[in-house]
């Protein structure tokens, strides 16, 4: 059975899917969404930990790195918990990927140092966001979802990209009938948007 309210995955995914129906635009998002999350964590590595929270020291690729329990960790935790609440199976995989991103972003940040890291992050963010806007403007021919729902762009997009990949590669569904229900809602939402577009033009 599907969930309701904030954790209504079917409704959220249908909204996302209505803005990402073009195969090229979907491919662009598949390659660019997670790098945006990763590089954001790289720059957040340098934010001081609040309330003097302790750091975690681990050995990674032959180096000891310090992972501060700062806002980057909090963001990772929020994303991970939210994804598990949306769907336990795919959510656990997404949560694992979030923490992998947190660990390796910390490693990269510690190796680069702030003076170089912010430049790398800036370039990566510009490339990824530009690619996504091109995907929407040139191929989807519809403004990105962030203009209508900011949380879709920043909180839910990484999970939806992962869910799309799982569906395509393995036929995964959070529950039986999920994909068919979502496709019907996407088609209805796109039709409604096209009707509104026609009225505006006329």
Protein backbone atom coordinates (compact mmCIF):
# COMPACT_ATOMS: atom_id res chain seq x y z
CA UNK A 1 0.00 0.00 0.00
CA UNK A 2 1.17 3.55 -0.73
CA UNK A 3 1.77 6.14 1.92
CA UNK A 4 0.00 9.47 2.23
CA UNK A 5 0.94 13.06 2.95
CA UNK A 6 4.63 13.97 3.03
CA UNK A 7 5.64 10.36 2.35
CA UNK A 8 3.26 9.80 -0.58
CA UNK A 9 5.90 8.48 -2.95
CA UNK A 10 3.43 7.87 -5.76
CA UNK A 11 2.28 11.50 -5.79
CA UNK A 12 5.80 12.91 -5.46
CA UNK A 13 7.25 10.67 -8.16
CA UNK A 14 4.38 11.45 -10.53
CA UNK A 15 5.02 15.18 -10.06
CA UNK A 16 8.72 14.64 -10.77
CA UNK A 17 8.00 12.40 -13.75
CA UNK A 18 5.75 15.00 -15.35
CA UNK A 19 8.78 17.30 -15.60
CA UNK A 20 11.10 14.54 -16.77
CA UNK A 21 9.48 12.57 -19.59
CA UNK A 22 12.03 13.18 -22.34
CA UNK A 23 14.65 10.38 -22.49
CA UNK A 24 17.58 12.77 -23.04
CA UNK A 25 16.49 15.00 -20.17
CA UNK A 26 16.13 11.92 -17.96
CA UNK A 27 19.66 10.80 -18.92
CA UNK A 28 21.07 14.25 -18.15
CA UNK A 29 19.50 14.21 -14.69
CA UNK A 30 20.69 10.66 -14.08
CA UNK A 31 24.30 11.77 -14.53
CA UNK A 32 24.12 15.22 -12.93
CA UNK A 33 21.82 15.06 -9.88
CA UNK A 34 24.03 12.98 -7.57
CA UNK A 35 27.20 15.00 -8.40
CA UNK A 36 25.32 18.12 -7.26
CA UNK A 37 24.60 16.44 -3.92
CA UNK A 38 28.18 15.17 -3.62
CA UNK A 39 29.89 18.49 -4.38
CA UNK A 40 27.53 20.34 -2.04
CA UNK A 41 28.78 18.05 0.72
CA UNK A 42 32.37 18.83 -0.28
CA UNK A 43 31.91 22.52 0.50
CA UNK A 44 29.82 21.82 3.60
CA UNK A 45 32.78 19.86 4.98
CA UNK A 46 34.38 23.17 5.87
CA UNK A 47 31.45 24.44 7.94
CA UNK A 48 32.35 24.28 11.67
CA UNK A 49 30.49 21.74 13.80
CA UNK A 50 27.80 23.33 15.99
CA UNK A 51 27.78 22.86 19.76
CA UNK A 52 31.35 21.47 19.66
CA UNK A 53 30.16 18.10 18.43
CA UNK A 54 32.94 15.53 18.08
CA UNK A 55 34.40 14.47 14.75
CA UNK A 56 34.87 10.96 13.40
CA UNK A 57 38.33 9.88 12.29
CA UNK A 58 38.57 7.04 9.78
CA UNK A 59 41.19 5.53 7.51
CA UNK A 60 40.34 5.78 3.82
CA UNK A 61 42.57 4.96 0.85
CA UNK A 62 45.60 4.89 3.10
CA UNK A 63 44.87 8.25 4.70
CA UNK A 64 43.36 9.19 8.03
CA UNK A 65 40.58 11.72 7.51
CA UNK A 66 38.45 13.62 9.99
CA UNK A 67 34.72 13.77 9.30
CA UNK A 68 33.09 16.57 11.30
CA UNK A 69 29.55 16.10 12.56
CA UNK A 70 28.52 19.43 11.09
CA UNK A 71 25.76 20.65 8.78
CA UNK A 72 27.01 18.38 6.00
CA UNK A 73 26.43 15.36 8.22
CA UNK A 74 23.01 16.72 9.26
CA UNK A 75 21.99 17.18 5.62
CA UNK A 76 23.14 13.64 4.84
CA UNK A 77 21.18 12.26 7.78
CA UNK A 78 18.00 14.14 6.81
CA UNK A 79 18.20 12.89 3.23
CA UNK A 80 18.89 9.32 4.34
CA UNK A 81 16.05 9.15 6.88
CA UNK A 82 13.58 10.76 4.48
CA UNK A 83 14.42 8.31 1.70
CA UNK A 84 13.96 5.32 3.99
CA UNK A 85 10.58 6.72 5.04
CA UNK A 86 9.54 7.03 1.39
CA UNK A 87 10.40 3.41 0.60
CA UNK A 88 12.36 1.06 2.84
CA UNK A 89 14.14 -1.04 0.18
CA UNK A 90 15.16 1.63 -2.33
CA UNK A 91 15.43 4.12 0.53
CA UNK A 92 18.05 2.02 2.33
CA UNK A 93 20.14 1.92 -0.85
CA UNK A 94 19.72 5.68 -1.28
CA UNK A 95 20.63 6.26 2.37
CA UNK A 96 23.75 4.14 1.94
CA UNK A 97 24.74 6.18 -1.14
CA UNK A 98 24.17 9.40 0.81
CA UNK A 99 26.61 8.32 3.51
CA UNK A 100 29.09 7.09 0.90
CA UNK A 101 28.91 10.57 -0.63
CA UNK A 102 29.43 12.13 2.81
CA UNK A 103 32.53 10.03 3.53
CA UNK A 104 34.17 10.48 0.13
CA UNK A 105 33.27 14.17 -0.06
CA UNK A 106 35.04 14.56 3.26
CA UNK A 107 38.05 12.72 1.88
CA UNK A 108 38.12 14.89 -1.26
CA UNK A 109 37.66 18.10 0.73
CA UNK A 110 40.46 17.20 3.13
CA UNK A 111 42.79 16.48 0.22
CA UNK A 112 41.97 19.62 -1.75
CA UNK A 113 41.75 22.15 1.07
CA UNK A 114 39.24 24.98 1.05
CA UNK A 115 41.18 27.25 -1.34
CA UNK A 116 40.93 24.66 -4.14
CA UNK A 117 37.77 22.82 -3.08
CA UNK A 118 35.44 25.79 -3.50
CA UNK A 119 36.68 26.31 -7.08
CA UNK A 120 36.16 22.65 -7.96
CA UNK A 121 32.69 22.72 -6.39
CA UNK A 122 31.77 25.93 -8.22
CA UNK A 123 32.74 24.49 -11.61
CA UNK A 124 30.97 21.19 -10.94
CA UNK A 125 27.79 22.89 -9.77
CA UNK A 126 27.74 25.23 -12.77
CA UNK A 127 28.26 22.36 -15.22
CA UNK A 128 25.62 20.14 -13.59
CA UNK A 129 22.97 22.84 -13.22
CA UNK A 130 23.61 24.15 -16.74
CA UNK A 131 23.24 20.64 -18.11
CA UNK A 132 19.91 20.21 -16.35
CA UNK A 133 18.56 23.55 -17.56
CA UNK A 134 19.59 22.60 -21.11
CA UNK A 135 17.82 19.29 -20.64
CA UNK A 136 14.62 21.09 -19.71
CA UNK A 137 14.85 23.96 -22.18
CA UNK A 138 16.06 22.11 -25.26
CA UNK A 139 14.70 18.59 -24.83
CA UNK A 140 11.88 18.61 -22.28
CA UNK A 141 10.69 22.05 -23.35
CA UNK A 142 9.33 22.63 -19.87
CA UNK A 143 10.70 24.65 -16.97
CA UNK A 144 12.36 22.54 -14.25
CA UNK A 145 10.37 21.39 -11.25
CA UNK A 146 12.33 23.66 -8.90
CA UNK A 147 10.33 26.62 -10.19
CA UNK A 148 7.14 24.98 -8.92
CA UNK A 149 8.41 22.86 -6.03
CA UNK A 150 11.80 23.68 -4.54
CA UNK A 151 11.91 20.59 -2.36
CA UNK A 152 11.70 18.42 -5.49
CA UNK A 153 14.93 19.91 -6.79
CA UNK A 154 16.97 19.68 -3.63
CA UNK A 155 15.52 16.95 -1.41
CA UNK A 156 13.74 14.40 -3.54
CA UNK A 157 15.56 14.51 -6.90
CA UNK A 158 18.48 12.20 -5.93
CA UNK A 159 16.07 9.51 -4.74
CA UNK A 160 13.85 9.79 -7.80
CA UNK A 161 16.86 9.46 -10.12
CA UNK A 162 17.90 6.31 -8.26
CA UNK A 163 14.34 4.94 -8.35
CA UNK A 164 14.18 5.50 -12.12
CA UNK A 165 17.43 3.58 -12.59
CA UNK A 166 16.15 0.71 -10.43
CA UNK A 167 12.93 0.60 -12.42
CA UNK A 168 14.69 0.56 -15.79
CA UNK A 169 17.43 -1.93 -14.89
CA UNK A 170 15.58 -4.27 -12.54
CA UNK A 171 11.88 -3.49 -12.95
CA UNK A 172 11.77 -2.45 -9.30
CA UNK A 173 8.50 -1.20 -7.80
CA UNK A 174 8.00 -0.08 -4.19
CA UNK A 175 4.76 -2.05 -4.29
CA UNK A 176 2.72 -3.84 -7.01
CA UNK A 177 0.97 -1.42 -9.35
CA UNK A 178 3.19 1.54 -8.43
CA UNK A 179 4.63 2.09 -11.88
CA UNK A 180 1.27 1.87 -13.67
CA UNK A 181 -0.35 4.28 -11.20
CA UNK A 182 2.50 6.75 -11.54
CA UNK A 183 2.44 6.58 -15.35
CA UNK A 184 -1.29 7.35 -15.36
CA UNK A 185 -0.80 10.35 -13.08
CA UNK A 186 2.13 11.60 -15.17
CA UNK A 187 0.08 11.40 -18.36
CA UNK A 188 -2.82 13.25 -16.72
CA UNK A 189 -0.52 15.95 -15.33
CA UNK A 190 1.22 16.47 -18.69
CA UNK A 191 -2.14 16.74 -20.46
CA UNK A 192 -3.28 19.32 -17.91
CA UNK A 193 -0.06 21.32 -18.38
CA UNK A 194 -0.42 21.22 -22.18
CA UNK A 195 -4.00 22.47 -21.92
CA UNK A 196 -2.91 25.37 -19.71
CA UNK A 197 -0.10 26.15 -22.17
CA UNK A 198 -2.54 26.24 -25.08
CA UNK A 199 -4.86 28.60 -23.19
CA UNK A 200 -1.97 30.95 -22.41
CA UNK A 201 -0.88 30.98 -26.06
CA UNK A 202 -4.42 31.59 -27.30
